[in-house]
Amino acid sequence: MASNAASLALTASRTHHGETGSQYPLPFPVTREPVNDWLGGLFNRRNRARTVAMLVEAQNHDDGNLRREMLRAKINAAETKLERHRTAIEAGVDPMALVEAMNTAQAEKAIAASELEQIPQTVALTAAQVEKLVDSFGDMAAILNAGNLDEKIALYTAMNVQISYDHQRQIARVSANPCVVSTGVRRGT
């Protein structure tokens, strides 16, 4: 782990003219206070219920589901091509004329099916599970305001904090996704 604030790895994706560039660390003293205020504010008593509800709702927009639908459509399209070729053969078309087209359709189907199997199944958390996950992080405000650097790094990591920096506009966009973690950070009591 890092030994001083200057080396804290809040890594940003530098954007220049709409293109994502290289990864580099943002200076932690510059980003620390706004990031800590934002992150702590999300889970304070006043905002916690709304933040939890937003996290639960966000799970309904899983990119994996869209990818699954696209792959199923590819599989169906390949099956349709294969059926069309079989029908053509039954109607008297020379099977040798369709070998390459059928092999291509079969390969497309196999690739899409393999990719479909590789997409991990996501399990949506209930509001109670998200609450429990948030509780597992401990007192975020205390960690962010007074915790040692290792505790802060562990919290940022557990919260999957990411920063995208637009160099041209000098704007840092910060995101956090605590629902992707399975372990938490706890400050000693």
Protein backbone atom coordinates (compact mmCIF):
# COMPACT_ATOMS: atom_id res chain seq x y z
CA MET A 1 0.00 0.00 0.00
CA ALA A 2 1.01 3.61 -0.47
CA SER A 3 2.93 5.28 2.28
CA ASN A 4 1.96 8.92 1.73
CA ALA A 5 -0.93 10.99 0.40
CA ALA A 6 0.95 12.08 -2.70
CA SER A 7 1.24 8.51 -3.92
CA LEU A 8 -2.39 7.48 -3.34
CA ALA A 9 -3.46 5.80 -6.54
CA LEU A 10 -6.62 7.61 -7.49
CA THR A 11 -6.13 6.71 -11.13
CA ALA A 12 -7.87 8.76 -13.76
CA SER A 13 -8.53 8.15 -17.39
CA ARG A 14 -7.20 11.27 -19.11
CA THR A 15 -9.46 12.49 -21.90
CA HIS A 16 -8.14 14.75 -24.63
CA HIS A 17 -10.35 15.81 -27.57
CA GLY A 18 -12.90 13.12 -26.74
CA GLU A 19 -10.33 10.31 -26.80
CA THR A 20 -9.41 8.29 -23.74
CA GLY A 21 -5.68 8.41 -23.20
CA SER A 22 -3.23 6.92 -20.78
CA GLN A 23 -3.88 6.17 -17.13
CA TYR A 24 -2.12 8.40 -14.63
CA PRO A 25 -2.55 9.29 -10.97
CA LEU A 26 -4.32 12.52 -10.11
CA PRO A 27 -2.69 14.54 -7.36
CA PHE A 28 -4.46 13.30 -4.25
CA PRO A 29 -4.35 16.58 -2.29
CA VAL A 30 -6.26 18.26 -5.14
CA THR A 31 -8.97 15.60 -5.37
CA ARG A 32 -9.17 14.36 -1.78
CA GLU A 33 -11.55 16.87 -0.23
CA PRO A 34 -14.18 16.97 -3.02
CA VAL A 35 -14.08 13.17 -3.44
CA ASN A 36 -14.38 12.60 0.31
CA ASP A 37 -17.23 15.12 0.63
CA TRP A 38 -19.12 13.55 -2.27
CA LEU A 39 -18.57 9.97 -1.16
CA GLY A 40 -19.35 10.69 2.49
CA GLY A 41 -22.43 12.69 1.47
CA LEU A 42 -23.86 9.80 -0.52
CA PHE A 43 -24.08 7.63 2.58
CA ASN A 44 -24.84 10.15 5.33
CA ARG A 45 -28.13 9.76 7.20
CA ARG A 46 -29.93 12.28 5.04
CA ASN A 47 -28.99 10.69 1.68
CA ARG A 48 -28.46 7.05 2.57
CA ALA A 49 -31.96 5.74 1.74
CA ARG A 50 -31.96 7.52 -1.62
CA THR A 51 -28.44 6.27 -2.43
CA VAL A 52 -29.37 2.69 -1.52
CA ALA A 53 -32.51 2.92 -3.68
CA MET A 54 -30.44 4.23 -6.59
CA LEU A 55 -27.92 1.39 -6.20
CA VAL A 56 -30.72 -1.20 -6.18
CA GLU A 57 -32.33 0.39 -9.26
CA ALA A 58 -29.01 0.61 -11.10
CA GLN A 59 -28.73 -3.16 -10.98
CA ASN A 60 -31.69 -3.35 -13.38
CA HIS A 61 -29.53 -1.76 -16.07
CA ASP A 62 -26.98 -4.55 -16.30
CA ASP A 63 -24.92 -4.33 -19.51
CA GLY A 64 -24.61 -8.11 -19.38
CA ASN A 65 -28.33 -8.43 -20.11
CA LEU A 66 -28.00 -6.32 -23.25
CA ARG A 67 -24.99 -8.37 -24.34
CA ARG A 68 -26.95 -11.59 -23.72
CA GLU A 69 -29.83 -10.33 -25.88
CA MET A 70 -27.43 -9.41 -28.69
CA LEU A 71 -25.76 -12.83 -28.57
CA ARG A 72 -29.10 -14.64 -28.53
CA ALA A 73 -30.10 -12.63 -31.60
CA LYS A 74 -26.86 -13.72 -33.33
CA ILE A 75 -27.58 -17.34 -32.45
CA ASN A 76 -31.14 -17.06 -33.78
CA ALA A 77 -29.90 -15.39 -36.99
CA ALA A 78 -27.35 -18.18 -37.52
CA GLU A 79 -30.01 -20.83 -36.90
CA THR A 80 -32.28 -19.09 -39.41
CA LYS A 81 -29.48 -19.13 -42.02
CA LEU A 82 -28.83 -22.82 -41.36
CA GLU A 83 -32.51 -23.65 -41.69
CA ARG A 84 -32.74 -21.66 -44.92
CA HIS A 85 -29.74 -23.58 -46.31
CA ARG A 86 -31.26 -26.92 -45.26
CA THR A 87 -34.51 -25.96 -46.97
CA ALA A 88 -32.57 -25.05 -50.13
CA ILE A 89 -30.81 -28.44 -50.08
CA GLU A 90 -34.16 -30.22 -49.66
CA ALA A 91 -35.45 -28.22 -52.65
CA GLY A 92 -32.63 -29.58 -54.80
CA VAL A 93 -29.77 -27.09 -54.47
CA ASP A 94 -26.36 -28.74 -54.66
CA PRO A 95 -25.16 -29.18 -51.02
CA MET A 96 -21.58 -28.49 -52.09
CA ALA A 97 -22.61 -24.97 -53.13
CA LEU A 98 -23.77 -24.26 -49.57
CA VAL A 99 -20.94 -25.88 -47.60
CA GLU A 100 -19.01 -22.63 -47.01
CA ALA A 101 -22.16 -20.65 -46.13
CA MET A 102 -23.31 -23.38 -43.74
CA ASN A 103 -19.87 -23.63 -42.12
CA THR A 104 -19.83 -19.85 -41.64
CA ALA A 105 -23.30 -19.86 -40.07
CA GLN A 106 -22.36 -22.78 -37.82
CA ALA A 107 -19.18 -20.97 -36.72
CA GLU A 108 -21.13 -17.75 -36.01
CA LYS A 109 -23.59 -19.73 -33.92
CA ALA A 110 -20.82 -21.52 -31.99
CA ILE A 111 -18.91 -18.28 -31.29
CA ALA A 112 -22.04 -16.48 -30.07
CA ALA A 113 -23.02 -19.47 -27.89
CA SER A 114 -19.53 -19.60 -26.39
CA GLU A 115 -19.54 -15.86 -25.66
CA LEU A 116 -23.01 -16.19 -24.11
CA GLU A 117 -21.75 -18.87 -21.74
CA GLN A 118 -18.83 -16.64 -20.70
CA ILE A 119 -20.98 -13.73 -19.50
CA PRO A 120 -21.14 -13.97 -15.73
CA GLN A 121 -24.56 -14.16 -14.15
CA THR A 122 -25.19 -11.16 -11.98
CA VAL A 123 -27.20 -11.52 -8.83
CA ALA A 124 -29.20 -8.43 -7.98
CA LEU A 125 -28.94 -7.36 -4.37
CA THR A 126 -32.01 -6.40 -2.37
CA ALA A 127 -32.18 -3.09 -0.55
CA ALA A 128 -31.46 -4.93 2.72
CA GLN A 129 -28.36 -6.54 1.19
CA VAL A 130 -27.12 -3.19 -0.11
CA GLU A 131 -27.69 -1.70 3.36
CA LYS A 132 -25.66 -4.53 4.88
CA LEU A 133 -22.90 -3.99 2.32
CA VAL A 134 -22.80 -0.28 3.09
CA ASP A 135 -22.71 -1.08 6.82
CA SER A 136 -19.72 -3.34 6.19
CA PHE A 137 -17.71 -0.30 5.12
CA GLY A 138 -17.99 1.11 8.64
CA ASP A 139 -18.21 4.81 9.44
CA MET A 140 -17.28 6.27 6.07
CA ALA A 141 -17.19 9.84 7.27
CA ALA A 142 -14.75 8.92 10.06
CA ILE A 143 -12.52 7.00 7.67
CA LEU A 144 -12.58 9.76 5.07
CA ASN A 145 -12.02 12.57 7.54
CA ALA A 146 -9.66 11.02 10.07
CA GLY A 147 -8.70 7.54 8.95
CA ASN A 148 -5.14 6.64 8.12
CA LEU A 149 -4.11 6.41 4.48
CA ASP A 150 -4.35 2.61 4.31
CA GLU A 151 -7.96 2.77 5.58
CA LYS A 152 -8.81 5.38 2.94
CA ILE A 153 -7.21 3.34 0.18
CA ALA A 154 -9.12 0.26 1.32
CA LEU A 155 -12.39 2.24 1.33
CA TYR A 156 -11.77 3.73 -2.12
CA THR A 157 -10.94 0.25 -3.40
CA ALA A 158 -14.00 -1.34 -1.76
CA MET A 159 -16.20 1.41 -3.18
CA ASN A 160 -14.59 0.96 -6.62
CA VAL A 161 -13.95 4.72 -6.84
CA GLN A 162 -12.97 5.76 -10.36
CA ILE A 163 -12.10 9.19 -11.70
CA SER A 164 -12.27 10.26 -15.33
CA TYR A 165 -10.42 13.52 -15.97
CA ASP A 166 -11.18 15.75 -18.95
CA HIS A 167 -7.91 17.67 -19.33
CA GLN A 168 -9.31 20.17 -21.81
CA ARG A 169 -12.20 21.23 -19.56
CA GLN A 170 -10.28 20.43 -16.35
CA ILE A 171 -13.18 18.45 -14.94
CA ALA A 172 -12.89 15.25 -12.94
CA ARG A 173 -15.88 12.90 -13.01
CA VAL A 174 -15.98 10.58 -10.03
CA SER A 175 -17.94 7.35 -9.80
CA ALA A 176 -18.26 4.67 -7.15
CA ASN A 177 -19.88 1.25 -7.31
CA PRO A 178 -19.94 -0.56 -3.98
CA CYS A 179 -22.12 -3.35 -5.35
CA VAL A 180 -19.23 -4.95 -7.22
CA VAL A 181 -17.36 -5.91 -4.09
CA SER A 182 -17.78 -8.89 -1.84
CA THR A 183 -15.71 -7.68 1.10
CA GLY A 184 -15.91 -4.55 3.15
CA VAL A 185 -13.77 -2.14 5.07
CA ARG A 186 -14.38 -1.57 8.75
CA ARG A 187 -12.85 1.04 11.00
CA GLY A 188 -12.06 -0.15 14.50
CA THR A 189 -14.52 0.94 17.18
